[in-house]
Amino acid sequence: MRICDAVACTDFPCRDTNRAGYRIPDIDLQPEHFTVLLISEAAASNPDDGYYAAGSPLFARTTIQAFQDAGADVSSIEDILALGVYLTSAIKCAKTGYAVASQTVLECSHLLEREIALFPQVKAYLLMGDVAIKALNAIARRSGEPRVIPAGSTYKIRGEEYFYRGARAFPSYLQAGPSFFIEKSKRRMIAKDIAAALSLVS
């Protein structure tokens, strides 16, 4: 199935995103084969840099490097998918500024909730950055469940174990985009989190 056939935004209510950058993965896959969902921040500002774009898109390059740092033998997005890892973003449009408004995270979490529901075998969520963490917390609270990840700086809370409906949730840092190559300490933590998630499902 194609995820974009099952999940779509129709009214685009968010004011701090660029609708021209709207992207929901349009690859053809079988959701039951995926055990890890990696959720990053927002769609790429340039559609050519998205995870599944043709050529050598930026999001793909940094993500492949992050998985290689974690010890995974991958050289393409297809290799990552073959590990049972699905890649998506919490915000389906591109950002217009540095931050994402809380209302935007809340609005787009409805799309993410429908997307997550398509994957029945998930055992781990890699929450790459604050926006992904907030989006999953919003989904949980809307269902009357406690927040998945507690408040606090990621480096302080990431050593604990958190769960969402039986699946492990890993609060981590953003691996998609140019900042990945700059912040080496975060890059090391990203690698550890990815390695832990892969170990959990291997």
N, C-alpha and C. Protein backbone atom coordinates (compact mmCIF):
# COMPACT_ATOMS: atom_id res chain seq x y z
N MET A 1 0.83 -1.20 0.00
CA MET A 1 0.00 0.00 0.00
C MET A 1 0.86 1.24 0.00
N ARG A 2 0.28 2.34 -0.45
CA ARG A 2 0.96 3.63 -0.41
C ARG A 2 0.38 4.44 0.74
N ILE A 3 1.25 4.89 1.65
CA ILE A 3 0.80 5.59 2.85
C ILE A 3 0.00 6.83 2.48
N CYS A 4 0.40 7.53 1.44
CA CYS A 4 -0.30 8.76 1.06
C CYS A 4 -1.71 8.50 0.56
N ASP A 5 -2.03 7.25 0.25
CA ASP A 5 -3.40 6.92 -0.14
C ASP A 5 -4.30 6.77 1.08
N ALA A 6 -3.70 6.52 2.24
CA ALA A 6 -4.47 6.30 3.46
C ALA A 6 -4.46 7.49 4.41
N VAL A 7 -3.48 8.38 4.25
CA VAL A 7 -3.33 9.53 5.14
C VAL A 7 -3.17 10.78 4.29
N ALA A 8 -3.98 11.79 4.56
CA ALA A 8 -3.89 13.02 3.78
C ALA A 8 -4.44 14.20 4.56
N CYS A 9 -3.86 15.36 4.35
CA CYS A 9 -4.40 16.60 4.93
C CYS A 9 -5.26 17.26 3.86
N THR A 10 -6.45 17.70 4.27
CA THR A 10 -7.38 18.28 3.30
C THR A 10 -7.61 19.77 3.49
N ASP A 11 -7.42 20.27 4.72
CA ASP A 11 -7.75 21.68 4.95
C ASP A 11 -6.54 22.56 5.26
N PHE A 12 -5.38 21.99 5.54
CA PHE A 12 -4.15 22.73 5.78
C PHE A 12 -4.36 23.91 6.73
N PRO A 13 -4.66 23.62 8.00
CA PRO A 13 -4.98 24.70 8.94
C PRO A 13 -3.76 25.41 9.53
N CYS A 14 -2.56 24.87 9.37
CA CYS A 14 -1.39 25.40 10.07
C CYS A 14 -0.86 26.66 9.39
N ARG A 15 -0.52 27.65 10.20
CA ARG A 15 -0.09 28.94 9.66
C ARG A 15 1.42 29.10 9.59
N ASP A 16 2.15 28.20 10.24
CA ASP A 16 3.61 28.36 10.27
C ASP A 16 4.30 27.26 9.47
N THR A 17 3.61 26.73 8.47
CA THR A 17 4.22 25.73 7.59
C THR A 17 4.01 26.14 6.13
N ASN A 18 4.82 25.56 5.27
CA ASN A 18 4.74 25.84 3.84
C ASN A 18 4.01 24.70 3.15
N ARG A 19 2.80 24.97 2.73
CA ARG A 19 1.97 23.93 2.09
C ARG A 19 2.63 23.37 0.85
N ALA A 20 3.45 24.18 0.16
CA ALA A 20 4.12 23.70 -1.04
C ALA A 20 5.09 22.57 -0.73
N GLY A 21 5.49 22.47 0.53
CA GLY A 21 6.40 21.40 0.94
C GLY A 21 5.68 20.18 1.50
N TYR A 22 4.37 20.15 1.38
CA TYR A 22 3.57 19.03 1.93
C TYR A 22 4.00 17.70 1.31
N ARG A 23 4.33 16.75 2.19
CA ARG A 23 4.73 15.42 1.72
C ARG A 23 4.30 14.36 2.73
N ILE A 24 3.62 13.34 2.23
CA ILE A 24 3.38 12.11 2.98
C ILE A 24 3.99 11.00 2.15
N PRO A 25 4.74 10.10 2.77
CA PRO A 25 5.44 9.07 1.97
C PRO A 25 4.54 8.38 0.95
N ASP A 26 5.02 8.33 -0.29
CA ASP A 26 4.23 7.73 -1.35
C ASP A 26 4.86 6.44 -1.87
N ILE A 27 5.74 5.85 -1.06
CA ILE A 27 6.34 4.59 -1.47
C ILE A 27 5.34 3.44 -1.26
N ASP A 28 5.51 2.41 -2.03
CA ASP A 28 4.65 1.24 -1.94
C ASP A 28 5.29 0.24 -0.98
N LEU A 29 4.60 -0.09 0.10
CA LEU A 29 5.17 -0.99 1.10
C LEU A 29 4.08 -1.82 1.77
N GLN A 30 4.52 -2.79 2.57
CA GLN A 30 3.61 -3.62 3.36
C GLN A 30 3.83 -3.28 4.83
N PRO A 31 2.93 -2.51 5.44
CA PRO A 31 3.14 -2.01 6.80
C PRO A 31 3.41 -3.09 7.84
N GLU A 32 2.87 -4.28 7.65
CA GLU A 32 3.04 -5.34 8.65
C GLU A 32 4.49 -5.83 8.73
N HIS A 33 5.33 -5.45 7.79
CA HIS A 33 6.72 -5.87 7.79
C HIS A 33 7.61 -4.93 8.60
N PHE A 34 7.05 -3.84 9.12
CA PHE A 34 7.86 -2.83 9.80
C PHE A 34 7.68 -2.89 11.32
N THR A 35 8.81 -2.90 12.02
CA THR A 35 8.79 -2.99 13.48
C THR A 35 9.32 -1.73 14.17
N VAL A 36 9.95 -0.85 13.41
CA VAL A 36 10.47 0.41 13.96
C VAL A 36 9.93 1.57 13.13
N LEU A 37 9.39 2.58 13.81
CA LEU A 37 8.97 3.81 13.15
C LEU A 37 9.89 4.93 13.60
N LEU A 38 10.61 5.50 12.66
CA LEU A 38 11.45 6.66 12.93
C LEU A 38 10.67 7.90 12.53
N ILE A 39 10.43 8.77 13.51
CA ILE A 39 9.63 9.98 13.28
C ILE A 39 10.53 11.19 13.50
N SER A 40 10.77 11.95 12.45
CA SER A 40 11.58 13.15 12.58
C SER A 40 10.67 14.38 12.67
N GLU A 41 11.21 15.54 12.42
CA GLU A 41 10.49 16.79 12.71
C GLU A 41 9.47 17.17 11.64
N ALA A 42 9.93 17.65 10.51
CA ALA A 42 9.04 18.17 9.47
C ALA A 42 9.53 17.73 8.10
N ALA A 43 8.65 17.86 7.12
CA ALA A 43 9.04 17.57 5.74
C ALA A 43 10.17 18.50 5.32
N ALA A 44 10.98 18.04 4.39
CA ALA A 44 12.11 18.84 3.93
C ALA A 44 11.65 20.13 3.27
N SER A 45 12.39 21.21 3.49
CA SER A 45 12.05 22.49 2.85
C SER A 45 12.09 22.37 1.34
N ASN A 46 13.06 21.62 0.85
CA ASN A 46 13.16 21.31 -0.57
C ASN A 46 12.68 19.88 -0.77
N PRO A 47 11.60 19.67 -1.50
CA PRO A 47 11.08 18.30 -1.68
C PRO A 47 12.13 17.32 -2.20
N ASP A 48 13.14 17.82 -2.90
CA ASP A 48 14.19 16.95 -3.42
C ASP A 48 15.09 16.41 -2.31
N ASP A 49 14.94 16.94 -1.08
CA ASP A 49 15.76 16.49 0.04
C ASP A 49 15.03 15.52 0.96
N GLY A 50 13.80 15.14 0.64
CA GLY A 50 13.02 14.24 1.48
C GLY A 50 13.58 12.83 1.49
N TYR A 51 13.15 12.04 2.46
CA TYR A 51 13.66 10.68 2.61
C TYR A 51 13.59 9.85 1.34
N TYR A 52 12.47 9.96 0.65
CA TYR A 52 12.20 9.05 -0.46
C TYR A 52 12.36 9.71 -1.82
N ALA A 53 12.97 10.89 -1.85
CA ALA A 53 13.19 11.57 -3.12
C ALA A 53 14.24 10.83 -3.94
N ALA A 54 14.22 11.07 -5.23
CA ALA A 54 15.18 10.42 -6.12
C ALA A 54 16.57 11.01 -5.93
N GLY A 55 17.57 10.26 -6.36
CA GLY A 55 18.94 10.74 -6.29
C GLY A 55 19.54 10.54 -4.92
N SER A 56 20.20 11.59 -4.41
CA SER A 56 20.87 11.51 -3.11
C SER A 56 20.37 12.65 -2.21
N PRO A 57 19.12 12.58 -1.76
CA PRO A 57 18.55 13.67 -0.96
C PRO A 57 19.22 13.82 0.40
N LEU A 58 19.19 15.02 0.92
CA LEU A 58 19.87 15.32 2.18
C LEU A 58 19.36 14.47 3.33
N PHE A 59 18.04 14.36 3.48
CA PHE A 59 17.49 13.57 4.59
C PHE A 59 17.96 12.12 4.52
N ALA A 60 18.06 11.61 3.31
CA ALA A 60 18.53 10.23 3.15
C ALA A 60 20.00 10.12 3.54
N ARG A 61 20.82 11.07 3.10
CA ARG A 61 22.26 10.99 3.39
C ARG A 61 22.53 11.03 4.89
N THR A 62 21.90 11.96 5.59
CA THR A 62 22.17 12.06 7.03
C THR A 62 21.60 10.86 7.79
N THR A 63 20.46 10.35 7.34
CA THR A 63 19.86 9.21 8.01
C THR A 63 20.67 7.94 7.78
N ILE A 64 21.13 7.75 6.57
CA ILE A 64 21.99 6.59 6.28
C ILE A 64 23.25 6.67 7.15
N GLN A 65 23.84 7.86 7.25
CA GLN A 65 25.03 8.01 8.09
C GLN A 65 24.72 7.71 9.55
N ALA A 66 23.55 8.13 10.03
CA ALA A 66 23.17 7.86 11.41
C ALA A 66 23.05 6.37 11.66
N PHE A 67 22.48 5.64 10.72
CA PHE A 67 22.36 4.19 10.87
C PHE A 67 23.73 3.51 10.76
N GLN A 68 24.59 4.03 9.91
CA GLN A 68 25.95 3.49 9.84
C GLN A 68 26.69 3.74 11.15
N ASP A 69 26.51 4.93 11.73
CA ASP A 69 27.11 5.23 13.03
C ASP A 69 26.64 4.24 14.10
N ALA A 70 25.41 3.76 13.93
CA ALA A 70 24.83 2.82 14.89
C ALA A 70 25.26 1.39 14.63
N GLY A 71 26.07 1.18 13.59
CA GLY A 71 26.57 -0.16 13.30
C GLY A 71 25.76 -0.92 12.28
N ALA A 72 24.77 -0.28 11.68
CA ALA A 72 23.94 -0.96 10.68
C ALA A 72 24.65 -0.97 9.33
N ASP A 73 24.57 -2.09 8.64
CA ASP A 73 25.18 -2.25 7.33
C ASP A 73 24.20 -1.77 6.27
N VAL A 74 24.15 -0.46 6.07
CA VAL A 74 23.21 0.14 5.12
C VAL A 74 23.94 1.14 4.24
N SER A 75 23.44 1.30 3.03
CA SER A 75 24.01 2.30 2.13
C SER A 75 22.93 3.03 1.35
N SER A 76 21.66 2.76 1.69
CA SER A 76 20.56 3.40 0.99
C SER A 76 19.32 3.39 1.89
N ILE A 77 18.34 4.19 1.52
CA ILE A 77 17.07 4.17 2.24
C ILE A 77 16.40 2.81 2.08
N GLU A 78 16.58 2.19 0.94
CA GLU A 78 16.01 0.85 0.73
C GLU A 78 16.59 -0.15 1.72
N ASP A 79 17.88 -0.01 2.05
CA ASP A 79 18.49 -0.89 3.04
C ASP A 79 17.87 -0.67 4.42
N ILE A 80 17.59 0.58 4.74
CA ILE A 80 16.96 0.88 6.04
C ILE A 80 15.55 0.31 6.09
N LEU A 81 14.81 0.48 5.02
CA LEU A 81 13.47 -0.10 4.95
C LEU A 81 13.53 -1.62 5.09
N ALA A 82 14.57 -2.24 4.52
CA ALA A 82 14.71 -3.70 4.59
C ALA A 82 14.96 -4.16 6.02
N LEU A 83 15.46 -3.27 6.88
CA LEU A 83 15.65 -3.60 8.29
C LEU A 83 14.33 -3.58 9.05
N GLY A 84 13.27 -3.14 8.38
CA GLY A 84 11.98 -3.02 9.04
C GLY A 84 11.78 -1.67 9.69
N VAL A 85 12.49 -0.65 9.20
CA VAL A 85 12.41 0.71 9.74
C VAL A 85 11.70 1.61 8.73
N TYR A 86 10.60 2.20 9.15
CA TYR A 86 9.84 3.14 8.31
C TYR A 86 10.19 4.55 8.74
N LEU A 87 10.39 5.44 7.78
CA LEU A 87 10.80 6.82 8.03
C LEU A 87 9.69 7.78 7.67
N THR A 88 9.37 8.67 8.60
CA THR A 88 8.35 9.67 8.32
C THR A 88 8.64 10.91 9.17
N SER A 89 7.79 11.91 9.05
CA SER A 89 7.94 13.14 9.85
C SER A 89 6.65 13.43 10.60
N ALA A 90 6.80 14.09 11.73
CA ALA A 90 5.63 14.46 12.52
C ALA A 90 4.81 15.55 11.83
N ILE A 91 5.49 16.50 11.20
CA ILE A 91 4.84 17.59 10.48
C ILE A 91 4.97 17.30 8.99
N LYS A 92 3.85 17.30 8.30
CA LYS A 92 3.84 16.84 6.91
C LYS A 92 4.13 17.95 5.90
N CYS A 93 4.20 19.18 6.36
CA CYS A 93 4.60 20.29 5.49
C CYS A 93 5.96 20.80 5.92
N ALA A 94 6.59 21.58 5.09
CA ALA A 94 7.88 22.17 5.45
C ALA A 94 7.68 23.31 6.45
N LYS A 95 8.68 23.54 7.28
CA LYS A 95 8.62 24.65 8.23
C LYS A 95 8.87 25.97 7.50
N THR A 96 8.36 27.05 8.08
CA THR A 96 8.68 28.38 7.56
C THR A 96 9.66 29.11 8.47
N GLY A 97 9.86 28.61 9.68
CA GLY A 97 10.80 29.20 10.62
C GLY A 97 11.57 28.11 11.33
N TYR A 98 12.32 28.50 12.37
CA TYR A 98 13.12 27.51 13.09
C TYR A 98 12.25 26.59 13.93
N ALA A 99 11.30 27.17 14.66
CA ALA A 99 10.45 26.40 15.57
C ALA A 99 9.13 26.04 14.91
N VAL A 100 8.42 25.12 15.54
CA VAL A 100 7.09 24.71 15.09
C VAL A 100 6.11 25.01 16.22
N ALA A 101 5.03 25.72 15.92
CA ALA A 101 4.05 26.09 16.93
C ALA A 101 3.37 24.86 17.54
N SER A 102 3.04 24.96 18.81
CA SER A 102 2.38 23.85 19.50
C SER A 102 1.08 23.47 18.81
N GLN A 103 0.34 24.46 18.31
CA GLN A 103 -0.93 24.17 17.63
C GLN A 103 -0.69 23.39 16.34
N THR A 104 0.40 23.68 15.66
CA THR A 104 0.74 22.94 14.45
C THR A 104 1.05 21.49 14.77
N VAL A 105 1.82 21.27 15.84
CA VAL A 105 2.12 19.90 16.26
C VAL A 105 0.83 19.16 16.59
N LEU A 106 -0.06 19.83 17.30
CA LEU A 106 -1.34 19.20 17.66
C LEU A 106 -2.16 18.86 16.42
N GLU A 107 -2.27 19.81 15.49
CA GLU A 107 -3.05 19.57 14.27
C GLU A 107 -2.48 18.40 13.48
N CYS A 108 -1.17 18.41 13.27
CA CYS A 108 -0.56 17.39 12.42
C CYS A 108 -0.46 16.05 13.12
N SER A 109 -0.58 16.04 14.44
CA SER A 109 -0.54 14.76 15.15
C SER A 109 -1.73 13.88 14.79
N HIS A 110 -2.81 14.47 14.29
CA HIS A 110 -3.95 13.66 13.83
C HIS A 110 -3.55 12.83 12.62
N LEU A 111 -2.77 13.44 11.71
CA LEU A 111 -2.28 12.70 10.55
C LEU A 111 -1.30 11.61 10.99
N LEU A 112 -0.40 11.97 11.90
CA LEU A 112 0.57 11.00 12.38
C LEU A 112 -0.12 9.83 13.08
N GLU A 113 -1.16 10.12 13.81
CA GLU A 113 -1.90 9.06 14.49
C GLU A 113 -2.48 8.06 13.49
N ARG A 114 -3.06 8.58 12.41
CA ARG A 114 -3.61 7.69 11.38
C ARG A 114 -2.49 6.90 10.68
N GLU A 115 -1.36 7.55 10.51
CA GLU A 115 -0.23 6.88 9.88
C GLU A 115 0.30 5.75 10.76
N ILE A 116 0.49 6.03 12.04
CA ILE A 116 0.97 5.02 12.98
C ILE A 116 0.04 3.81 13.02
N ALA A 117 -1.25 4.08 12.96
CA ALA A 117 -2.24 3.00 13.06
C ALA A 117 -2.14 2.00 11.92
N LEU A 118 -1.47 2.37 10.84
CA LEU A 118 -1.33 1.47 9.69
C LEU A 118 -0.29 0.38 9.94
N PHE A 119 0.53 0.55 10.98
CA PHE A 119 1.65 -0.36 11.23
C PHE A 119 1.36 -1.21 12.48
N PRO A 120 0.86 -2.43 12.29
CA PRO A 120 0.40 -3.23 13.43
C PRO A 120 1.51 -3.92 14.21
N GLN A 121 2.72 -3.99 13.67
CA GLN A 121 3.78 -4.76 14.31
C GLN A 121 4.88 -3.90 14.94
N VAL A 122 4.59 -2.64 15.20
CA VAL A 122 5.62 -1.74 15.71
C VAL A 122 6.05 -2.14 17.13
N LYS A 123 7.35 -2.23 17.31
CA LYS A 123 7.92 -2.53 18.62
C LYS A 123 8.76 -1.38 19.18
N ALA A 124 9.08 -0.41 18.32
CA ALA A 124 9.90 0.71 18.77
C ALA A 124 9.61 1.96 17.96
N TYR A 125 9.56 3.09 18.66
CA TYR A 125 9.44 4.40 18.03
C TYR A 125 10.72 5.17 18.29
N LEU A 126 11.37 5.64 17.24
CA LEU A 126 12.50 6.54 17.36
C LEU A 126 11.98 7.95 17.16
N LEU A 127 11.94 8.73 18.24
CA LEU A 127 11.38 10.08 18.20
C LEU A 127 12.54 11.06 18.07
N MET A 128 12.76 11.51 16.85
CA MET A 128 13.95 12.28 16.55
C MET A 128 13.69 13.78 16.71
N GLY A 129 13.81 14.23 17.94
CA GLY A 129 13.65 15.64 18.23
C GLY A 129 12.38 15.97 18.99
N ASP A 130 12.33 17.21 19.49
CA ASP A 130 11.23 17.64 20.35
C ASP A 130 9.87 17.60 19.67
N VAL A 131 9.82 17.92 18.38
CA VAL A 131 8.53 17.93 17.67
C VAL A 131 7.94 16.53 17.61
N ALA A 132 8.76 15.54 17.31
CA ALA A 132 8.28 14.16 17.28
C ALA A 132 7.82 13.71 18.65
N ILE A 133 8.55 14.09 19.68
CA ILE A 133 8.17 13.74 21.05
C ILE A 133 6.83 14.37 21.40
N LYS A 134 6.67 15.65 21.09
CA LYS A 134 5.42 16.34 21.39
C LYS A 134 4.24 15.74 20.62
N ALA A 135 4.49 15.34 19.38
CA ALA A 135 3.41 14.77 18.57
C ALA A 135 2.92 13.45 19.15
N LEU A 136 3.83 12.58 19.58
CA LEU A 136 3.40 11.30 20.14
C LEU A 136 2.71 11.52 21.49
N ASN A 137 3.20 12.47 22.27
CA ASN A 137 2.52 12.81 23.53
C ASN A 137 1.11 13.31 23.27
N ALA A 138 0.93 14.11 22.22
CA ALA A 138 -0.39 14.63 21.88
C ALA A 138 -1.34 13.51 21.50
N ILE A 139 -0.85 12.54 20.75
CA ILE A 139 -1.67 11.38 20.37
C ILE A 139 -2.12 10.61 21.61
N ALA A 140 -1.18 10.38 22.51
CA ALA A 140 -1.51 9.64 23.72
C ALA A 140 -2.53 10.38 24.57
N ARG A 141 -2.32 11.67 24.78
CA ARG A 141 -3.24 12.44 25.63
C ARG A 141 -4.63 12.51 25.03
N ARG A 142 -4.72 12.57 23.72
CA ARG A 142 -6.03 12.64 23.05
C ARG A 142 -6.83 11.36 23.30
N SER A 143 -6.14 10.27 23.53
CA SER A 143 -6.79 8.99 23.81
C SER A 143 -6.99 8.76 25.30
N GLY A 144 -6.69 9.77 26.10
CA GLY A 144 -6.86 9.63 27.55
C GLY A 144 -5.73 8.89 28.23
N GLU A 145 -4.62 8.71 27.52
CA GLU A 145 -3.47 8.02 28.08
C GLU A 145 -2.47 9.05 28.62
N PRO A 146 -1.60 8.63 29.54
CA PRO A 146 -0.56 9.56 30.02
C PRO A 146 0.44 9.88 28.93
N ARG A 147 1.14 10.98 29.06
CA ARG A 147 2.14 11.33 28.08
C ARG A 147 3.20 10.24 28.02
N VAL A 148 3.70 9.99 26.84
CA VAL A 148 4.66 8.91 26.63
C VAL A 148 6.04 9.30 27.16
N ILE A 149 6.47 10.49 26.84
CA ILE A 149 7.79 10.99 27.23
C ILE A 149 7.60 12.15 28.21
N PRO A 150 8.25 12.12 29.36
CA PRO A 150 8.09 13.21 30.33
C PRO A 150 8.75 14.50 29.85
N ALA A 151 8.37 15.60 30.48
CA ALA A 151 9.01 16.88 30.17
C ALA A 151 10.45 16.85 30.65
N GLY A 152 11.27 17.62 29.98
CA GLY A 152 12.67 17.69 30.38
C GLY A 152 13.59 17.64 29.19
N SER A 153 14.83 18.03 29.41
CA SER A 153 15.83 18.00 28.34
C SER A 153 16.07 16.57 27.90
N THR A 154 16.19 16.39 26.61
CA THR A 154 16.33 15.04 26.06
C THR A 154 17.53 14.32 26.65
N TYR A 155 18.65 15.01 26.82
CA TYR A 155 19.84 14.32 27.32
C TYR A 155 19.67 13.83 28.75
N LYS A 156 18.73 14.44 29.49
CA LYS A 156 18.48 14.02 30.86
C LYS A 156 17.52 12.84 30.95
N ILE A 157 16.60 12.74 30.00
CA ILE A 157 15.55 11.73 30.11
C ILE A 157 15.76 10.52 29.20
N ARG A 158 16.70 10.61 28.26
CA ARG A 158 16.79 9.57 27.24
C ARG A 158 17.30 8.23 27.76
N GLY A 159 17.87 8.19 28.96
CA GLY A 159 18.37 6.94 29.49
C GLY A 159 17.32 6.03 30.10
N GLU A 160 16.09 6.55 30.25
CA GLU A 160 15.02 5.77 30.86
C GLU A 160 14.24 5.01 29.77
N GLU A 161 13.39 4.09 30.22
CA GLU A 161 12.57 3.32 29.28
C GLU A 161 11.15 3.87 29.27
N TYR A 162 10.63 4.12 28.07
CA TYR A 162 9.28 4.65 27.89
C TYR A 162 8.55 3.78 26.88
N PHE A 163 7.23 3.73 27.03
CA PHE A 163 6.45 2.85 26.17
C PHE A 163 5.16 3.54 25.71
N TYR A 164 4.77 3.20 24.50
CA TYR A 164 3.48 3.63 23.96
C TYR A 164 2.76 2.41 23.43
N ARG A 165 1.70 2.03 24.11
CA ARG A 165 0.89 0.86 23.73
C ARG A 165 1.75 -0.38 23.50
N GLY A 166 2.65 -0.59 24.42
CA GLY A 166 3.47 -1.79 24.40
C GLY A 166 4.76 -1.68 23.62
N ALA A 167 4.91 -0.63 22.83
CA ALA A 167 6.13 -0.45 22.04
C ALA A 167 7.07 0.53 22.74
N ARG A 168 8.33 0.28 22.68
CA ARG A 168 9.33 1.14 23.31
C ARG A 168 9.44 2.46 22.54
N ALA A 169 9.53 3.54 23.26
CA ALA A 169 9.69 4.86 22.65
C ALA A 169 11.02 5.46 23.07
N PHE A 170 11.82 5.85 22.10
CA PHE A 170 13.15 6.40 22.35
C PHE A 170 13.16 7.89 22.05
N PRO A 171 13.25 8.75 23.07
CA PRO A 171 13.42 10.19 22.79
C PRO A 171 14.86 10.45 22.35
N SER A 172 15.02 11.07 21.20
CA SER A 172 16.37 11.28 20.67
C SER A 172 16.46 12.66 20.04
N TYR A 173 17.40 12.83 19.14
CA TYR A 173 17.65 14.11 18.49
C TYR A 173 17.44 13.99 16.98
N LEU A 174 17.22 15.13 16.35
CA LEU A 174 16.94 15.16 14.92
C LEU A 174 18.15 14.70 14.11
N GLN A 175 17.92 13.72 13.25
CA GLN A 175 18.99 13.18 12.41
C GLN A 175 18.86 13.61 10.96
N ALA A 176 17.78 14.29 10.62
CA ALA A 176 17.50 14.66 9.23
C ALA A 176 17.84 16.13 8.98
N GLY A 177 18.85 16.36 8.18
CA GLY A 177 19.17 17.74 7.86
C GLY A 177 20.62 18.09 8.14
N PRO A 178 21.03 19.30 7.81
CA PRO A 178 22.45 19.69 7.89
C PRO A 178 23.01 19.75 9.30
N SER A 179 22.19 19.99 10.32
CA SER A 179 22.71 20.09 11.69
C SER A 179 23.29 18.78 12.18
N PHE A 180 22.90 17.67 11.55
CA PHE A 180 23.41 16.37 11.95
C PHE A 180 24.94 16.32 11.87
N PHE A 181 25.52 16.99 10.89
CA PHE A 181 26.97 16.95 10.70
C PHE A 181 27.71 17.90 11.63
N ILE A 182 26.99 18.77 12.31
CA ILE A 182 27.61 19.80 13.13
C ILE A 182 27.74 19.39 14.59
N GLU A 183 26.67 18.83 15.15
CA GLU A 183 26.62 18.55 16.58
C GLU A 183 27.04 17.11 16.86
N LYS A 184 28.34 16.92 17.12
CA LYS A 184 28.89 15.58 17.24
C LYS A 184 28.39 14.84 18.47
N SER A 185 28.17 15.55 19.57
CA SER A 185 27.69 14.88 20.78
C SER A 185 26.28 14.33 20.56
N LYS A 186 25.44 15.09 19.89
CA LYS A 186 24.09 14.60 19.59
C LYS A 186 24.16 13.44 18.59
N ARG A 187 25.10 13.51 17.68
CA ARG A 187 25.25 12.44 16.70
C ARG A 187 25.58 11.12 17.39
N ARG A 188 26.42 11.17 18.43
CA ARG A 188 26.74 9.95 19.17
C ARG A 188 25.51 9.40 19.89
N MET A 189 24.70 10.31 20.47
CA MET A 189 23.50 9.86 21.16
C MET A 189 22.48 9.28 20.18
N ILE A 190 22.35 9.90 19.01
CA ILE A 190 21.46 9.37 17.96
C ILE A 190 21.86 7.94 17.61
N ALA A 191 23.16 7.73 17.43
CA ALA A 191 23.64 6.39 17.07
C ALA A 191 23.29 5.38 18.15
N LYS A 192 23.45 5.75 19.40
CA LYS A 192 23.13 4.83 20.50
C LYS A 192 21.64 4.50 20.51
N ASP A 193 20.80 5.50 20.26
CA ASP A 193 19.36 5.27 20.28
C ASP A 193 18.93 4.37 19.12
N ILE A 194 19.47 4.61 17.95
CA ILE A 194 19.15 3.77 16.80
C ILE A 194 19.61 2.34 17.05
N ALA A 195 20.83 2.20 17.58
CA ALA A 195 21.36 0.86 17.86
C ALA A 195 20.48 0.13 18.88
N ALA A 196 20.01 0.84 19.88
CA ALA A 196 19.16 0.23 20.89
C ALA A 196 17.83 -0.23 20.31
N ALA A 197 17.26 0.59 19.43
CA ALA A 197 15.98 0.21 18.80
C ALA A 197 16.16 -1.00 17.89
N LEU A 198 17.24 -1.01 17.11
CA LEU A 198 17.49 -2.14 16.22
C LEU A 198 17.77 -3.41 17.01
N SER A 199 18.48 -3.28 18.12
CA SER A 199 18.74 -4.44 18.97
C SER A 199 17.44 -5.01 19.55
N LEU A 200 16.55 -4.11 19.86
CA LEU A 200 15.26 -4.54 20.44
C LEU A 200 14.47 -5.39 19.49
N VAL A 201 14.53 -5.13 18.21
CA VAL A 201 13.69 -5.84 17.24
C VAL A 201 14.44 -6.91 16.46
N SER A 202 15.75 -7.02 16.68
CA SER A 202 16.52 -8.00 15.91
C SER A 202 16.28 -9.42 16.42
